[in-house]
Protein backbone atom coordinates (compact mmCIF):
# COMPACT_ATOMS: atom_id res chain seq x y z
CA MET A 1 108.63 38.12 98.19
CA GLU A 2 111.66 37.20 100.28
CA GLY A 3 113.70 40.24 101.18
CA LYS A 4 111.10 42.76 100.01
CA ARG A 5 110.57 45.70 102.33
CA VAL A 6 107.68 48.20 102.21
CA LEU A 7 106.95 51.38 104.13
CA VAL A 8 103.28 52.26 104.62
CA ILE A 9 102.74 55.90 105.58
CA GLY A 10 99.41 56.30 107.37
CA GLY A 11 97.55 53.99 109.73
CA GLY A 12 94.00 54.68 108.57
CA THR A 13 91.70 52.21 106.87
CA SER A 14 93.62 51.75 103.61
CA GLY A 15 97.06 51.78 105.27
CA ASN A 16 96.07 49.18 107.84
CA VAL A 17 94.52 46.87 105.25
CA MET A 18 97.52 47.29 102.95
CA THR A 19 99.83 46.31 105.79
CA VAL A 20 97.89 43.16 106.68
CA LEU A 21 97.72 41.98 103.06
CA LEU A 22 101.44 42.50 102.45
CA ARG A 23 102.44 40.82 105.70
CA ARG A 24 100.31 37.81 104.76
CA ALA A 25 102.56 37.40 101.70
CA GLY A 26 105.67 37.48 103.87
CA ILE A 27 106.73 41.02 102.97
CA ASP A 28 108.45 43.06 105.69
CA VAL A 29 106.32 46.13 106.43
CA ASP A 30 106.98 49.22 108.50
CA LEU A 31 103.88 51.29 109.21
CA VAL A 32 104.20 54.85 110.48
CA GLU A 33 101.27 56.92 111.72
CA VAL A 34 101.49 60.56 112.72
CA ARG A 35 98.86 60.34 115.48
CA PRO A 36 100.12 58.83 118.74
CA ASP A 37 96.66 57.35 119.41
CA TRP A 38 96.58 55.64 115.97
CA ASN A 39 93.56 57.75 114.97
CA VAL A 40 90.97 55.80 116.98
CA ARG A 41 88.22 58.41 116.75
CA GLY A 42 85.10 59.38 114.84
CA SER A 43 81.35 58.74 114.98
CA GLY A 44 80.17 56.18 112.46
CA ILE A 45 80.88 54.71 109.05
CA THR A 46 78.67 53.12 106.41
CA LEU A 47 80.28 50.20 104.59
CA GLN A 48 78.76 48.88 101.39
CA GLY A 49 79.12 45.22 100.40
CA ASN A 50 82.16 45.79 98.21
CA ALA A 51 83.95 47.23 101.27
CA LEU A 52 82.90 44.24 103.38
CA ARG A 53 84.33 41.95 100.70
CA VAL A 54 87.80 43.38 101.32
CA LEU A 55 87.42 43.19 105.11
CA ARG A 56 86.54 39.53 104.73
CA GLU A 57 89.66 39.05 102.60
CA ILE A 58 91.91 40.26 105.43
CA GLY A 59 90.18 38.02 107.96
CA VAL A 60 88.25 40.50 110.12
CA TRP A 61 84.72 39.99 108.76
CA ASP A 62 83.53 37.93 111.73
CA GLU A 63 84.52 40.70 114.16
CA VAL A 64 83.07 43.40 111.93
CA ARG A 65 79.78 41.52 111.67
CA GLU A 66 79.67 40.98 115.43
CA HIS A 67 80.30 44.62 116.33
CA GLY A 68 78.49 46.34 113.45
CA PHE A 69 74.91 46.28 112.18
CA GLY A 70 74.23 44.73 108.77
CA PHE A 71 71.12 45.38 106.67
CA ASP A 72 69.82 45.18 103.11
CA ALA A 73 67.39 48.09 102.87
CA LEU A 74 67.25 51.88 102.65
CA GLY A 75 64.36 53.93 104.01
CA LEU A 76 63.10 57.29 102.78
CA THR A 77 60.90 59.58 104.87
CA THR A 78 59.42 63.06 104.73
CA PRO A 79 60.95 65.60 107.14
CA ASP A 80 58.15 64.93 109.64
CA GLY A 81 59.08 61.23 109.72
CA THR A 82 56.37 59.82 107.48
CA VAL A 83 57.73 56.75 105.72
CA LEU A 84 57.69 57.10 101.92
CA HIS A 85 59.54 53.98 100.87
CA VAL A 86 61.73 51.17 102.17
CA GLY A 87 63.55 49.32 99.40
CA ASP A 88 66.23 46.69 98.98
CA VAL A 89 69.82 47.71 98.24
CA LEU A 90 72.04 45.75 95.86
CA ARG A 91 74.53 43.44 97.61
CA THR A 92 77.68 44.73 95.92
CA GLY A 93 79.89 42.37 97.90
CA GLY A 94 78.04 39.28 96.74
CA ASP A 95 74.97 37.45 97.94
CA ASP A 96 76.70 36.10 101.06
CA LEU A 97 77.38 39.56 102.50
CA PRO A 98 74.85 42.20 103.59
CA ALA A 99 74.27 45.11 101.24
CA THR A 100 75.35 47.57 103.92
CA LEU A 101 76.82 47.56 107.40
CA GLY A 102 76.93 50.47 109.79
CA MET A 103 79.66 50.59 112.41
CA GLN A 104 81.17 52.88 114.98
CA ARG A 105 84.31 54.17 113.32
CA PRO A 106 86.52 53.76 116.42
CA VAL A 107 85.45 50.12 116.69
CA LEU A 108 86.41 49.43 113.08
CA GLN A 109 89.75 51.12 113.60
CA ARG A 110 90.46 49.04 116.70
CA ILE A 111 89.69 45.84 114.79
CA LEU A 112 92.09 46.86 112.01
CA VAL A 113 94.75 47.93 114.51
CA ASP A 114 94.56 44.51 116.17
CA ALA A 115 94.94 42.87 112.74
CA VAL A 116 98.03 44.95 111.99
CA ARG A 117 99.57 44.09 115.36
CA ALA A 118 98.85 40.40 114.83
CA SER A 119 100.45 40.52 111.37
CA GLY A 120 103.87 41.23 112.83
CA ALA A 121 104.34 44.57 111.10
CA ASN A 122 106.69 47.07 112.70
CA VAL A 123 104.47 49.96 113.85
CA ARG A 124 105.74 53.42 114.84
CA LEU A 125 103.18 55.90 116.15
CA GLY A 126 103.61 59.64 116.43
CA THR A 127 106.03 59.45 113.53
CA THR A 128 106.28 61.21 110.16
CA ALA A 129 108.34 60.25 107.12
CA GLU A 130 110.25 62.24 104.50
CA ILE A 131 111.47 60.64 101.27
CA LEU A 132 115.11 61.60 100.79
CA THR A 133 116.25 59.83 97.63
CA GLU A 134 114.98 57.34 95.07
CA ASP A 135 116.50 55.17 92.38
CA GLU A 136 115.01 52.55 90.07
CA THR A 137 114.64 49.95 92.80
CA SER A 138 114.33 51.67 96.18
CA ALA A 139 113.60 54.78 98.22
CA THR A 140 115.47 56.09 101.24
CA VAL A 141 113.28 57.64 103.93
CA ARG A 142 114.09 59.77 106.97
CA PHE A 143 111.78 59.62 109.98
CA SER A 144 110.93 62.34 112.47
CA ASP A 145 112.85 60.48 115.19
CA GLY A 146 116.07 60.97 113.17
CA THR A 147 116.37 57.41 111.85
CA GLU A 148 116.47 56.39 108.19
CA GLY A 149 115.34 53.35 106.23
CA ARG A 150 115.61 51.93 102.72
CA TYR A 151 112.53 50.39 101.09
CA ASP A 152 111.64 48.63 97.87
CA LEU A 153 108.35 50.57 97.83
CA VAL A 154 106.66 53.34 99.80
CA VAL A 155 102.85 53.27 100.00
CA ALA A 156 101.39 56.69 100.80
CA ALA A 157 98.13 56.13 102.68
CA ASP A 158 98.34 59.42 104.57
CA GLY A 159 94.91 60.72 103.73
CA LEU A 160 93.15 63.56 102.00
CA HIS A 161 95.77 66.18 102.84
CA SER A 162 98.66 63.83 102.09
CA ALA A 163 102.04 65.42 102.79
CA THR A 164 103.62 62.65 100.71
CA ARG A 165 101.49 63.52 97.68
CA ALA A 166 102.57 67.14 97.93
CA ALA A 167 106.22 66.20 98.40
CA LEU A 168 106.07 64.14 95.21
CA GLY A 169 105.08 67.25 93.28
CA ILE A 170 101.53 66.06 92.59
CA GLY A 171 99.71 69.38 92.71
CA VAL A 172 96.17 68.04 93.09
CA GLU A 173 94.35 69.22 96.21
CA PRO A 174 90.86 68.50 97.55
CA GLU A 175 88.19 70.97 96.46
CA PRO A 176 85.08 71.79 98.53
CA THR A 177 81.83 70.81 96.85
CA GLY A 178 79.74 73.41 98.69
CA MET A 179 78.16 71.02 101.19
CA ALA A 180 79.01 70.18 104.79
CA ILE A 181 77.89 67.48 107.23
CA TRP A 182 77.16 67.31 110.93
CA ARG A 183 77.71 63.85 112.45
CA VAL A 184 77.07 62.50 115.93
CA PRO A 185 76.84 59.06 117.59
CA ALA A 186 73.59 58.40 119.43
CA PRO A 187 71.57 55.61 121.08
CA ARG A 188 69.58 53.53 118.60
CA PRO A 189 65.86 54.32 118.69
CA ALA A 190 63.56 51.30 118.68
CA GLY A 191 62.61 50.23 115.19
CA VAL A 192 65.66 51.65 113.40
CA GLU A 193 66.81 48.67 111.34
CA CYS A 194 68.50 50.32 108.33
CA SER A 195 69.76 53.65 107.02
CA VAL A 196 66.96 56.21 106.71
CA LEU A 197 67.17 59.43 104.71
CA SER A 198 64.96 62.49 104.54
CA HIS A 199 65.38 65.08 101.78
CA GLY A 200 64.13 68.59 102.39
CA GLY A 201 63.45 70.52 105.56
CA PRO A 202 66.16 72.85 106.89
CA CYS A 203 68.94 70.61 105.47
CA TYR A 204 69.56 68.91 102.16
CA ILE A 205 69.69 65.50 103.85
CA ALA A 206 68.86 64.27 107.33
CA GLY A 207 69.84 60.68 107.95
CA TYR A 208 70.85 58.03 110.43
CA THR A 209 72.45 54.59 110.23
CA PRO A 210 72.47 51.83 112.88
CA THR A 211 76.02 51.02 113.96
CA SER A 212 75.36 48.29 116.55
CA GLU A 213 72.45 46.78 118.47
CA ASP A 214 72.51 49.84 120.73
CA THR A 215 73.91 52.73 118.66
CA ILE A 216 73.47 54.76 115.48
CA TYR A 217 75.21 57.70 113.94
CA ALA A 218 73.07 60.59 112.76
CA TYR A 219 73.96 63.21 110.18
CA LEU A 220 72.65 66.45 108.73
CA VAL A 221 73.90 67.80 105.38
CA GLU A 222 73.69 71.52 104.69
CA ALA A 223 75.36 74.21 102.60
CA ALA A 224 78.97 74.68 103.74
CA ARG A 225 79.58 77.48 106.21
CA ASP A 226 82.76 79.11 107.43
CA ARG A 227 83.94 76.63 110.03
CA ALA A 228 85.82 79.34 111.89
CA ALA A 229 82.51 81.12 112.50
CA ILE A 230 81.02 78.14 114.38
CA PRO A 231 82.54 77.80 117.87
CA PRO A 232 83.18 74.12 118.68
CA GLU A 233 81.48 74.54 122.03
CA SER A 234 78.25 75.34 120.14
CA TYR A 235 78.27 72.20 117.96
CA ALA A 236 75.69 70.22 119.96
CA ARG A 237 73.37 73.20 120.24
CA GLU A 238 73.67 73.96 116.52
CA MET A 239 73.01 70.38 115.46
CA ARG A 240 69.96 70.22 117.73
CA ARG A 241 68.68 73.44 116.17
CA LEU A 242 68.95 72.00 112.67
CA ALA A 243 67.37 68.74 113.80
CA GLU A 244 64.28 70.60 115.03
CA GLY A 245 63.02 70.44 111.45
CA TYR A 246 62.73 66.64 111.53
CA GLY A 247 60.35 64.23 113.24
CA GLY A 248 60.03 60.49 113.73
CA ALA A 249 63.19 58.98 115.18
CA TRP A 250 64.78 62.43 115.15
CA ASP A 251 62.72 63.40 118.21
CA GLU A 252 64.67 60.85 120.24
CA ILE A 253 67.98 61.45 118.46
CA ARG A 254 67.79 65.20 118.98
CA ASP A 255 67.38 64.88 122.75
CA SER A 256 70.60 62.82 122.92
CA ILE A 257 72.77 65.48 121.23
CA THR A 258 74.22 67.15 124.32
CA ASP A 259 78.00 66.84 124.16
CA PRO A 260 79.66 69.19 121.64
CA ALA A 261 82.83 67.07 121.72
CA GLN A 262 80.82 64.20 120.18
CA VAL A 263 79.66 66.30 117.22
CA ASN A 264 81.78 66.57 114.08
CA TYR A 265 81.36 69.24 111.38
CA THR A 266 83.13 68.61 108.07
CA TRP A 267 82.98 69.97 104.55
CA PHE A 268 82.41 67.66 101.59
CA ASP A 269 85.44 67.54 99.28
CA ARG A 270 86.23 66.02 95.91
CA MET A 271 89.59 65.04 94.45
CA LEU A 272 90.94 62.66 91.83
CA VAL A 273 94.59 62.34 90.87
CA GLU A 274 94.70 61.69 87.11
CA GLY A 275 97.57 60.36 84.99
CA SER A 276 99.17 58.01 87.51
CA TRP A 277 99.15 57.32 91.23
CA HIS A 278 102.87 56.81 91.61
CA ARG A 279 106.13 58.66 91.22
CA GLY A 280 109.19 56.44 91.18
CA ARG A 281 109.07 54.08 94.16
CA VAL A 282 106.18 55.86 95.91
CA VAL A 283 102.52 55.01 95.24
CA LEU A 284 99.28 56.56 96.53
CA VAL A 285 96.30 54.65 97.92
CA GLY A 286 92.94 55.70 99.36
CA ASP A 287 92.17 59.32 100.17
CA ALA A 288 95.70 60.33 99.17
CA ALA A 289 94.67 59.56 95.56
CA HIS A 290 90.95 60.36 95.55
CA CYS A 291 88.01 61.42 97.68
CA CYS A 292 84.31 62.08 97.16
CA PRO A 293 81.25 63.18 99.16
CA PRO A 294 79.58 60.35 101.10
CA THR A 295 76.38 60.60 99.05
CA MET A 296 76.93 57.02 97.80
CA ALA A 297 78.71 55.78 100.95
CA GLN A 298 81.56 54.52 98.75
CA GLY A 299 84.59 56.46 100.04
CA ALA A 300 85.85 53.75 102.40
CA ALA A 301 85.07 51.04 99.85
CA MET A 302 87.21 52.72 97.19
CA ALA A 303 90.12 53.07 99.63
CA LEU A 304 89.84 49.42 100.68
CA GLU A 305 89.71 48.29 97.07
CA ASP A 306 92.88 50.28 96.31
CA ALA A 307 94.77 48.36 98.97
CA TRP A 308 93.38 45.03 97.77
CA VAL A 309 94.24 45.60 94.11
CA LEU A 310 97.73 46.95 94.80
CA SER A 311 98.54 44.08 97.15
CA GLN A 312 97.36 41.57 94.53
CA LEU A 313 99.76 43.05 91.99
CA LEU A 314 102.66 43.27 94.43
CA THR A 315 102.26 39.63 95.44
CA SER A 316 101.67 38.26 91.91
CA GLY A 317 105.32 37.46 91.27
CA SER A 318 105.75 40.30 88.76
CA ALA A 319 108.64 42.73 89.03
CA TRP A 320 107.96 45.80 91.13
CA ASP A 321 108.52 48.22 88.29
CA GLU A 322 106.91 51.07 86.39
CA GLU A 323 104.69 48.70 84.44
CA LEU A 324 103.23 47.10 87.57
CA LEU A 325 102.45 50.42 89.24
CA THR A 326 100.89 51.69 86.03
CA ARG A 327 98.67 48.58 85.91
CA TYR A 328 97.48 49.41 89.42
CA TYR A 329 96.36 52.85 88.28
CA GLU A 330 94.74 51.51 85.14
CA ARG A 331 92.73 48.92 87.10
CA ARG A 332 91.44 51.53 89.49
CA ILE A 333 90.95 54.81 87.66
CA ASP A 334 87.72 54.17 85.71
CA ARG A 335 85.94 52.63 88.69
CA VAL A 336 87.06 55.36 91.09
CA ARG A 337 86.26 58.15 88.60
CA MET A 338 82.74 56.74 88.19
CA VAL A 339 82.18 56.82 91.96
CA VAL A 340 83.67 60.30 92.44
CA GLU A 341 81.64 61.81 89.60
CA ALA A 342 78.39 60.11 90.64
CA SER A 343 78.84 61.11 94.30
CA VAL A 344 79.52 64.72 93.35
CA GLN A 345 76.59 64.77 90.90
CA ILE A 346 74.10 63.66 93.55
CA GLY A 347 75.22 66.51 95.80
CA GLN A 348 75.22 69.03 92.97
CA TRP A 349 71.62 68.24 92.07
CA GLN A 350 70.68 69.06 95.65
CA LEU A 351 72.71 72.26 95.70
CA ASP A 352 71.07 73.36 92.45
CA GLY A 353 67.58 72.40 93.60
CA VAL A 354 67.23 70.11 90.58
CA PRO A 355 65.23 66.84 90.83
CA GLY A 356 68.03 64.73 89.41
CA ASP A 357 67.64 61.08 88.48
CA VAL A 358 69.33 59.59 91.55
CA PRO A 359 67.70 56.16 91.13
CA GLY A 360 68.87 56.03 87.52
CA LEU A 361 72.38 57.05 88.47
CA LEU A 362 72.59 54.39 91.17
CA GLU A 363 71.12 51.78 88.84
CA ALA A 364 73.96 52.51 86.41
CA THR A 365 76.77 52.49 88.98
CA MET A 366 75.96 49.94 91.69
CA PRO A 367 76.03 46.82 89.46
CA VAL A 368 79.53 47.84 88.32
CA LEU A 369 80.63 47.86 91.96
CA LYS A 370 79.42 44.29 92.41
CA GLU A 371 82.08 43.21 89.92
CA LEU A 372 85.51 42.48 91.37
CA PRO A 373 87.82 45.51 91.16
């Protein structure tokens, strides 16, 4: 690995993890992130065991466990809060990790940022990158501050609307699925010990997930609306209105939704780049290559696994060539396609009002995710 130099574009989850793993192998890494604040924002995130497995690999599991909320069950209720079922969830990360962990997204990002800083990577915030030229062994990149750099590989981890993906001529774009989600952080009601979902009522799904001893994030999934028609200053009021159709813990959650700046409204998208995830010396990871609705809570896990698999290949001693980057795609595509298609299918059943076999679908997919990627 001596003398190898990599540029990581994007300081989100997959870009940060990629950076830490490459630095551990002694590879020089520059990380550029367009946001000056390094994207420390958001409400909450649900991490399945296979995501936790990767976080343990980069050495941050103890901090994640301390600041998050791990659990092994999933609860189902009627809209009025009556408990229908509480069942165990498969530990896809192995028996020594919880099945699921909820966490405040800004806290997770801060933990990953600290890991990147400690790795010795060169970080440049508020910076964008443009690939100028490529040959068989390197890429030359110009940055928004006017400087240039030459790299053995460029890893594009710049998210769902990746400018790098578009610049490479990969014409795949995210497509709305027809659903949208309201999210908000809130105090944790007493007795909330795992994710709880309610199907029916004014929304397709009403749910909440504990993210620490004191906090949760709550979410409502509905048919997608024109975002421009919903003034941001009305977000808290609108989410409270939708939450009126739910009881139980929602009575307490609803009263805490007062600050519109804390409420996020986002459409569900789907995307999968087929054929290959690289062009020349540039390779896609995470949301730049694929995305899916959070109906299986596997989006972050797939992005983390991308970084883990690619770093394994890059540090295996093999030549950094077309064959290696093709192997990366081949190791990932079937697993990611399964998750994208299953996540979209669960949402489509709800949109169509069809009682789909969600338990059967999960029974077919979750054991696959327990296997190493």
